[in-house]
Amino acid sequence: MNVNGKAYRTIWTDEADRLLVINQHLLPHRFETAELPSFESVCAAIRDMLVRGAGLIGATAGYGMWLAAREAPTASNDAFDAFFSAAAATLKETRPTASNLAWAVERQLAAVAHGGSPEEKRRIARRTAQVIADEDAEACRRIGTHGKTLLERIAARKHGDPVNILTHCNAGWLAFVDYGSALSPVYAAHDAGIPVHVWVDETRPRNQGAGLTAWELSRHGVPHTLIADNAGGHLMQHGMVDIVITGADRVTRQGDAANKIGTYLKALAAHDNGIPFYVALPSSTFDFSLNDGVREIPIEERGAQEVRIMTGKATDGRVLDVQICPDETPARNWAFDVTPHRLITGLISERGVCPATEAGIITLYPEAENRA
């Protein structure tokens, strides 16, 4: 993605082998990068949502394990391995819902186990982190290619009118290493000259739609309109939405999808109005060990202050935190909900588009059949 004429990924290393990320706390009002110099700083960045989004969490975890390898003792393989395993356990605890995090940590553990010495293990960890990031970017590019065909079909029926896409939260470039999942088809269609327009849910709490998705789309020149979270059903009732595309943080072998809180309500509204509802995800977001997403996917509950406090820019340009409820009012903050597969029209992955059913997923992922 280009920002001010320069191409960026969301996470990268520079010539000095420093690990750098885009500081998502400051968007959309300021664009700055931040260095993650240590394993602990990576854990904090994931926990505090300096970086967020399924794919980016996974990539950051991959790089975090590389930093853990750099910090691990080198006196013996046993000492290295003990430190590395403890770091893996710590990193997995930072955020429980997105499967990409644990997937990346386990991939690093498996890869590094082949090293014959602490020095070789460090080299393997560095190489594996880069591969995880590169694969995420390529998977998202392919998601865009496959998803674009869905938008092309709708555009052919609209005879020049824009395809109206509704999305929830941020599943674009900022949520992955590049391209994004739900927004990748939008970018691919826009770049191909297909007229598109995106309805952007504000996505409370944290307002990732207003602050991140709208920022991305504006930088790419994609027509979009910010709406209140509760407006989506009204738009669907009045024929103003052609398709809903969201991302996901974990998808079961049956096709149930965990995503930002509020996604389930959009799926219900789409189902009631006969509007196709698609979930876009890379392979790393699947969890083939789970069947029933509502019962089995762990749902993260975050701090109440994210509900009670909002951040915004004042008329004088200052960015302020303001409380929106009475002092004595408590709050609860579930970060995700689960959309059952019966409400999902299809899944868009780097391998193609399939129904959100176990049989449909197996057509693209035959390995899922034996990984229950």
Protein backbone atom coordinates (compact mmCIF):
# COMPACT_ATOMS: atom_id res chain seq x y z
CA MET A 1 0.00 0.00 0.00
CA ASN A 2 1.22 3.48 -0.82
CA VAL A 3 1.24 6.20 1.83
CA ASN A 4 2.31 9.64 0.69
CA GLY A 5 3.88 8.14 -2.40
CA LYS A 6 5.89 5.46 -0.56
CA ALA A 7 5.14 1.75 -0.53
CA TYR A 8 4.69 0.24 2.94
CA ARG A 9 3.98 -3.10 4.47
CA THR A 10 2.52 -3.07 7.96
CA ILE A 11 5.59 -4.83 9.40
CA TRP A 12 9.13 -5.02 8.05
CA THR A 13 12.83 -5.00 8.91
CA ASP A 14 15.22 -2.28 7.80
CA GLU A 15 18.88 -2.40 6.75
CA ALA A 16 19.95 -2.52 10.41
CA ASP A 17 17.64 -5.51 11.03
CA ARG A 18 15.34 -3.44 13.23
CA LEU A 19 11.72 -4.59 13.38
CA LEU A 20 9.35 -1.77 12.40
CA VAL A 21 5.56 -1.46 12.30
CA ILE A 22 2.95 1.17 11.56
CA ASN A 23 1.66 2.67 14.80
CA GLN A 24 -2.07 2.00 14.49
CA HIS A 25 -2.85 3.85 17.73
CA LEU A 26 -2.24 7.16 15.97
CA LEU A 27 -4.31 6.61 12.83
CA PRO A 28 -6.18 8.23 11.17
CA HIS A 29 -4.88 11.55 12.44
CA ARG A 30 -1.14 10.83 12.29
CA PHE A 31 0.94 8.34 10.34
CA GLU A 32 4.03 7.18 12.19
CA THR A 33 6.13 4.05 12.40
CA ALA A 34 7.38 2.42 15.59
CA GLU A 35 10.26 0.07 16.38
CA LEU A 36 9.70 -3.17 18.27
CA PRO A 37 13.17 -3.74 19.73
CA SER A 38 12.49 -6.74 21.98
CA PHE A 39 10.34 -9.79 22.50
CA GLU A 40 8.47 -8.02 25.30
CA SER A 41 7.75 -5.05 23.05
CA VAL A 42 6.18 -7.43 20.52
CA CYS A 43 3.93 -8.94 23.21
CA ALA A 44 2.89 -5.44 24.31
CA ALA A 45 2.24 -4.33 20.72
CA ILE A 46 -0.12 -7.27 20.14
CA ARG A 47 -1.81 -7.05 23.55
CA ASP A 48 -2.34 -3.27 23.36
CA MET A 49 -3.33 -3.32 19.66
CA LEU A 50 -0.48 -1.20 18.37
CA VAL A 51 -0.73 -3.88 15.71
CA ARG A 52 -4.00 -5.75 15.14
CA GLY A 53 -5.83 -7.85 12.61
CA ALA A 54 -5.57 -11.60 12.13
CA GLY A 55 -2.80 -11.76 9.55
CA LEU A 56 -0.70 -8.99 11.05
CA ILE A 57 -0.95 -10.54 14.51
CA GLY A 58 0.35 -13.77 13.02
CA ALA A 59 3.20 -12.08 11.18
CA THR A 60 4.12 -10.04 14.25
CA ALA A 61 4.13 -13.22 16.33
CA GLY A 62 6.48 -14.79 13.79
CA TYR A 63 8.88 -11.88 14.11
CA GLY A 64 8.40 -11.91 17.88
CA MET A 65 9.69 -15.47 18.02
CA TRP A 66 12.72 -14.34 16.04
CA LEU A 67 13.39 -11.64 18.64
CA ALA A 68 12.96 -14.28 21.34
CA ALA A 69 15.59 -16.35 19.56
CA ARG A 70 17.93 -13.37 19.55
CA GLU A 71 17.44 -12.98 23.31
CA ALA A 72 17.69 -16.69 24.14
CA PRO A 73 20.81 -18.02 25.91
CA THR A 74 23.36 -19.72 23.67
CA ALA A 75 25.23 -21.83 26.23
CA SER A 76 23.47 -24.98 25.02
CA ASN A 77 20.57 -26.17 22.90
CA ASP A 78 18.65 -27.12 26.04
CA ALA A 79 18.98 -23.62 27.50
CA PHE A 80 17.95 -22.06 24.19
CA ASP A 81 14.98 -24.38 23.75
CA ALA A 82 13.69 -23.81 27.28
CA PHE A 83 13.76 -20.03 26.80
CA PHE A 84 12.21 -20.29 23.33
CA SER A 85 9.35 -22.54 24.53
CA ALA A 86 8.59 -20.21 27.44
CA ALA A 87 8.50 -17.26 25.05
CA ALA A 88 6.07 -19.16 22.82
CA ALA A 89 3.70 -19.73 25.74
CA THR A 90 3.87 -16.06 26.72
CA LEU A 91 3.17 -14.87 23.20
CA LYS A 92 0.16 -17.17 22.77
CA GLU A 93 -1.47 -15.61 25.83
CA THR A 94 -1.43 -12.05 24.47
CA ARG A 95 -4.67 -12.46 22.46
CA PRO A 96 -6.70 -15.69 22.45
CA THR A 97 -9.19 -15.46 19.59
CA ALA A 98 -7.18 -15.08 16.36
CA SER A 99 -5.83 -18.46 15.26
CA ASN A 100 -3.05 -16.85 13.20
CA LEU A 101 -1.08 -16.01 16.35
CA ALA A 102 -0.81 -19.57 17.67
CA TRP A 103 -0.34 -20.85 14.12
CA ALA A 104 2.71 -18.63 13.61
CA VAL A 105 4.18 -19.51 17.01
CA GLU A 106 3.79 -23.23 16.38
CA ARG A 107 5.33 -22.86 12.94
CA GLN A 108 8.37 -21.19 14.47
CA LEU A 109 8.69 -23.89 17.14
CA ALA A 110 8.60 -26.62 14.51
CA ALA A 111 11.09 -24.87 12.23
CA VAL A 112 13.59 -23.95 14.93
CA ALA A 113 13.54 -27.50 16.31
CA HIS A 114 15.56 -28.53 13.25
CA GLY A 115 18.48 -26.26 14.18
CA GLY A 116 21.62 -27.99 15.36
CA SER A 117 22.94 -25.10 17.43
CA PRO A 118 21.60 -21.90 19.01
CA GLU A 119 23.19 -19.86 16.21
CA GLU A 120 21.49 -21.98 13.53
CA LYS A 121 18.19 -21.81 15.41
CA ARG A 122 18.38 -18.01 15.35
CA ARG A 123 18.99 -18.02 11.60
CA ILE A 124 16.03 -20.35 11.07
CA ALA A 125 13.78 -18.14 13.21
CA ARG A 126 14.76 -15.08 11.19
CA ARG A 127 14.13 -16.81 7.88
CA THR A 128 10.82 -18.32 9.03
CA ALA A 129 9.53 -14.94 10.23
CA GLN A 130 10.18 -13.46 6.80
CA VAL A 131 8.51 -16.39 5.06
CA ILE A 132 5.39 -16.04 7.23
CA ALA A 133 5.14 -12.34 6.36
CA ASP A 134 5.71 -12.93 2.64
CA GLU A 135 3.16 -15.73 2.52
CA ASP A 136 0.56 -13.55 4.24
CA ALA A 137 1.00 -10.79 1.67
CA GLU A 138 0.80 -13.22 -1.25
CA ALA A 139 -2.26 -14.99 0.19
CA CYS A 140 -4.06 -11.66 0.51
CA ARG A 141 -3.16 -10.70 -3.04
CA ARG A 142 -4.74 -13.93 -4.24
CA ILE A 143 -7.82 -13.34 -2.09
CA GLY A 144 -8.22 -10.10 -4.02
CA THR A 145 -8.02 -11.92 -7.35
CA HIS A 146 -10.63 -14.51 -6.38
CA GLY A 147 -12.94 -12.03 -4.66
CA LYS A 148 -12.83 -9.63 -7.60
CA THR A 149 -14.77 -12.15 -9.70
CA LEU A 150 -17.71 -11.85 -7.29
CA LEU A 151 -17.74 -8.08 -7.69
CA GLU A 152 -17.39 -8.37 -11.47
CA ARG A 153 -20.54 -10.48 -11.63
CA ILE A 154 -22.52 -7.96 -9.61
CA ALA A 155 -21.13 -5.08 -11.68
CA ALA A 156 -22.28 -6.79 -14.90
CA ARG A 157 -25.85 -6.71 -13.60
CA LYS A 158 -25.67 -3.08 -12.54
CA HIS A 159 -24.74 -1.67 -15.97
CA GLY A 160 -22.30 0.96 -14.77
CA ASP A 161 -23.74 1.73 -11.34
CA PRO A 162 -21.30 1.16 -8.49
CA VAL A 163 -21.21 -2.12 -6.62
CA ASN A 164 -22.12 -1.30 -3.01
CA ILE A 165 -20.07 -3.32 -0.53
CA LEU A 166 -20.63 -3.24 3.22
CA THR A 167 -17.79 -4.23 5.51
CA HIS A 168 -17.31 -4.34 9.27
CA CYS A 169 -14.19 -3.49 11.26
CA ASN A 170 -10.86 -3.33 9.40
CA ALA A 171 -9.84 -6.30 7.28
CA GLY A 172 -7.67 -4.39 4.86
CA TRP A 173 -4.00 -3.75 4.40
CA LEU A 174 -3.58 -2.60 8.01
CA ALA A 175 -4.90 -5.92 9.36
CA PHE A 176 -2.44 -8.00 7.34
CA VAL A 177 1.05 -7.59 5.94
CA ASP A 178 -0.32 -6.17 2.69
CA TYR A 179 -3.50 -6.06 0.54
CA GLY A 180 -5.86 -7.28 3.29
CA SER A 181 -8.60 -9.90 3.22
CA ALA A 182 -12.07 -8.32 2.96
CA LEU A 183 -10.73 -5.18 1.27
CA SER A 184 -8.38 -6.98 -1.12
CA PRO A 185 -11.20 -7.75 -3.62
CA VAL A 186 -12.32 -4.12 -3.34
CA TYR A 187 -8.84 -2.82 -4.18
CA ALA A 188 -8.48 -5.34 -7.03
CA ALA A 189 -11.84 -4.35 -8.51
CA HIS A 190 -11.19 -0.62 -8.13
CA ASP A 191 -7.79 -0.95 -9.79
CA ALA A 192 -9.40 -2.89 -12.65
CA GLY A 193 -11.83 -0.04 -13.31
CA ILE A 194 -14.91 -1.66 -11.76
CA PRO A 195 -17.02 1.03 -10.07
CA VAL A 196 -17.26 0.23 -6.37
CA HIS A 197 -18.48 2.01 -3.25
CA VAL A 198 -17.90 0.83 0.32
CA TRP A 199 -20.22 1.37 3.27
CA VAL A 200 -17.86 1.56 6.24
CA ASP A 201 -19.26 0.60 9.65
CA GLU A 202 -17.71 2.76 12.35
CA THR A 203 -17.13 -0.45 14.37
CA ARG A 204 -17.32 0.40 18.04
CA PRO A 205 -15.52 0.01 20.33
CA ARG A 206 -12.14 1.26 19.05
CA ASN A 207 -13.76 2.45 15.78
CA GLN A 208 -11.50 0.49 13.46
CA GLY A 209 -13.88 1.15 10.58
CA ALA A 210 -13.91 4.91 11.04
CA GLY A 211 -10.24 5.21 11.91
CA LEU A 212 -8.56 2.51 9.81
CA THR A 213 -10.79 1.26 6.99
CA ALA A 214 -11.86 4.77 5.99
CA TRP A 215 -8.23 5.91 6.14
CA GLU A 216 -7.09 3.07 3.89
CA LEU A 217 -9.85 3.56 1.35
CA SER A 218 -9.24 7.30 1.21
CA ARG A 219 -5.53 6.75 0.55
CA HIS A 220 -6.34 4.33 -2.27
CA GLY A 221 -9.00 6.59 -3.79
CA VAL A 222 -11.87 4.15 -3.29
CA PRO A 223 -15.31 5.82 -2.92
CA HIS A 224 -16.68 5.12 0.54
CA THR A 225 -19.11 6.42 3.15
CA LEU A 226 -18.87 6.09 6.91
CA ILE A 227 -22.07 4.89 8.61
CA ALA A 228 -23.16 4.22 12.18
CA ASP A 229 -22.83 0.59 13.20
CA ASN A 230 -26.61 0.19 13.44
CA ALA A 231 -27.35 1.56 9.95
CA GLY A 232 -26.42 -1.54 7.96
CA GLY A 233 -29.77 -3.30 8.29
CA HIS A 234 -31.63 -0.20 7.12
CA LEU A 235 -29.41 0.06 4.04
CA MET A 236 -29.99 -3.60 3.21
CA GLN A 237 -33.76 -3.24 3.54
CA HIS A 238 -33.70 -0.42 1.00
CA GLY A 239 -31.54 -2.14 -1.61
CA MET A 240 -28.45 -0.05 -0.93
CA VAL A 241 -26.09 -2.99 -0.28
CA ASP A 242 -25.14 -5.52 -2.98
CA ILE A 243 -22.75 -7.69 -0.98
CA VAL A 244 -21.23 -7.89 2.51
CA ILE A 245 -17.58 -8.90 2.86
CA THR A 246 -15.90 -9.18 6.25
CA GLY A 247 -12.68 -10.65 7.53
CA ALA A 248 -12.28 -13.25 10.26
CA ASP A 249 -10.01 -14.05 13.17
CA ARG A 250 -10.78 -17.78 13.36
CA VAL A 251 -12.85 -20.07 11.12
CA THR A 252 -13.81 -23.63 12.05
CA ARG A 253 -13.83 -26.72 9.84
CA GLN A 254 -17.63 -26.23 9.55
CA GLY A 255 -17.26 -22.63 8.34
CA ASP A 256 -18.28 -20.75 11.50
CA ALA A 257 -16.39 -17.43 11.62
CA ALA A 258 -15.27 -15.31 14.57
CA ASN A 259 -14.85 -11.65 13.72
CA LYS A 260 -15.16 -8.25 15.37
CA ILE A 261 -18.17 -7.91 17.64
CA GLY A 262 -21.24 -6.91 15.60
CA THR A 263 -20.45 -9.07 12.57
CA TYR A 264 -23.12 -11.61 13.54
CA LEU A 265 -25.79 -8.89 13.44
CA LYS A 266 -24.74 -7.88 9.93
CA ALA A 267 -24.96 -11.50 8.83
CA LEU A 268 -28.47 -11.79 10.24
CA ALA A 269 -29.57 -8.65 8.40
CA ALA A 270 -27.98 -9.86 5.15
CA HIS A 271 -29.67 -13.24 5.48
CA ASP A 272 -33.07 -11.62 6.10
CA ASN A 273 -32.68 -9.44 3.01
CA GLY A 274 -31.23 -12.05 0.65
CA ILE A 275 -27.86 -10.29 0.37
CA PRO A 276 -24.73 -12.42 -0.11
CA PHE A 277 -22.46 -12.45 2.93
CA TYR A 278 -18.84 -13.51 2.36
CA VAL A 279 -15.92 -13.97 4.74
CA ALA A 280 -12.40 -13.45 3.37
CA LEU A 281 -9.45 -15.15 5.06
CA PRO A 282 -6.03 -16.66 4.42
CA SER A 283 -5.36 -20.32 5.23
CA SER A 284 -3.67 -19.39 8.50
CA THR A 285 -7.04 -18.25 9.91
CA PHE A 286 -8.62 -21.71 9.67
CA ASP A 287 -8.74 -23.84 12.80
CA PHE A 288 -9.61 -27.31 11.55
CA SER A 289 -9.56 -28.69 15.11
CA LEU A 290 -12.84 -26.91 15.92
CA ASN A 291 -16.36 -27.80 14.80
CA ASP A 292 -18.86 -25.56 16.60
CA GLY A 293 -17.60 -21.98 16.56
CA VAL A 294 -20.17 -20.59 18.99
CA ARG A 295 -19.30 -23.19 21.62
CA GLU A 296 -15.59 -23.68 20.98
CA ILE A 297 -13.93 -20.45 19.78
CA PRO A 298 -12.47 -18.54 22.74
CA ILE A 299 -13.84 -14.99 22.82
CA GLU A 300 -11.52 -12.32 24.17
CA GLU A 301 -12.98 -9.85 26.65
CA ARG A 302 -10.99 -6.64 26.74
CA GLY A 303 -10.95 -3.75 29.19
CA ALA A 304 -14.09 -1.76 29.92
CA GLN A 305 -12.36 1.54 29.15
CA GLU A 306 -12.49 0.78 25.43
CA VAL A 307 -16.30 1.04 25.70
CA ARG A 308 -16.42 3.96 28.13
CA ILE A 309 -13.78 6.13 26.42
CA MET A 310 -13.60 7.34 22.82
CA THR A 311 -10.73 9.04 21.03
CA GLY A 312 -11.25 11.79 18.49
CA LYS A 313 -9.92 15.01 17.03
CA ALA A 314 -11.23 18.27 18.48
CA THR A 315 -12.04 21.30 16.37
CA ASP A 316 -8.69 22.82 17.31
CA GLY A 317 -6.83 19.78 15.98
CA ARG A 318 -6.01 18.17 19.32
CA VAL A 319 -6.59 14.42 19.63
CA LEU A 320 -8.50 13.81 22.87
CA ASP A 321 -9.85 10.90 24.91
CA VAL A 322 -13.38 11.58 26.16
CA GLN A 323 -15.69 9.61 28.43
CA ILE A 324 -19.14 8.95 26.95
CA CYS A 325 -21.01 7.54 29.98
CA PRO A 326 -21.67 8.46 33.63
CA ASP A 327 -18.74 8.02 35.99
CA GLU A 328 -20.45 5.23 37.88
CA THR A 329 -21.55 3.20 34.84
CA PRO A 330 -19.67 -0.10 34.35
CA ALA A 331 -19.09 -1.65 30.93
CA ARG A 332 -18.34 -5.05 29.38
CA ASN A 333 -16.27 -5.44 26.25
CA TRP A 334 -16.43 -8.66 24.24
CA ALA A 335 -14.11 -8.15 21.27
CA PHE A 336 -15.56 -10.78 18.91
CA ASP A 337 -18.70 -12.71 18.07
CA VAL A 338 -19.22 -15.83 15.97
CA THR A 339 -21.28 -15.97 12.79
CA PRO A 340 -22.65 -19.49 12.21
CA HIS A 341 -21.86 -20.97 8.82
CA ARG A 342 -25.57 -21.14 7.91
CA LEU A 343 -25.52 -17.34 7.56
CA ILE A 344 -22.37 -17.22 5.40
CA THR A 345 -22.74 -17.44 1.61
CA GLY A 346 -19.13 -18.38 1.02
CA LEU A 347 -15.50 -18.13 2.06
CA ILE A 348 -12.87 -16.35 -0.03
CA SER A 349 -9.34 -17.64 0.52
CA GLU A 350 -6.13 -17.66 -1.48
CA ARG A 351 -7.18 -21.03 -2.89
CA GLY A 352 -10.51 -19.79 -4.23
CA VAL A 353 -14.14 -19.34 -3.20
CA CYS A 354 -16.08 -22.13 -1.51
CA PRO A 355 -19.32 -22.65 0.42
CA ALA A 356 -19.06 -22.14 4.18
CA THR A 357 -19.56 -25.83 4.92
CA GLU A 358 -17.21 -28.64 5.88
CA ALA A 359 -17.69 -30.26 2.48
CA GLY A 360 -17.08 -26.94 0.74
CA ILE A 361 -13.92 -26.22 2.71
CA ILE A 362 -12.56 -29.71 1.98
CA THR A 363 -12.85 -29.04 -1.76
CA LEU A 364 -10.16 -26.36 -1.33
CA TYR A 365 -8.43 -27.82 1.74
CA PRO A 366 -8.45 -31.63 1.49
CA GLU A 367 -6.01 -31.71 4.40
CA ALA A 368 -8.83 -30.51 6.67
CA GLU A 369 -10.51 -33.90 6.38
CA ASN A 370 -7.78 -35.54 8.44
CA ARG A 371 -7.04 -32.68 10.88
CA ALA A 372 -10.10 -32.72 13.11
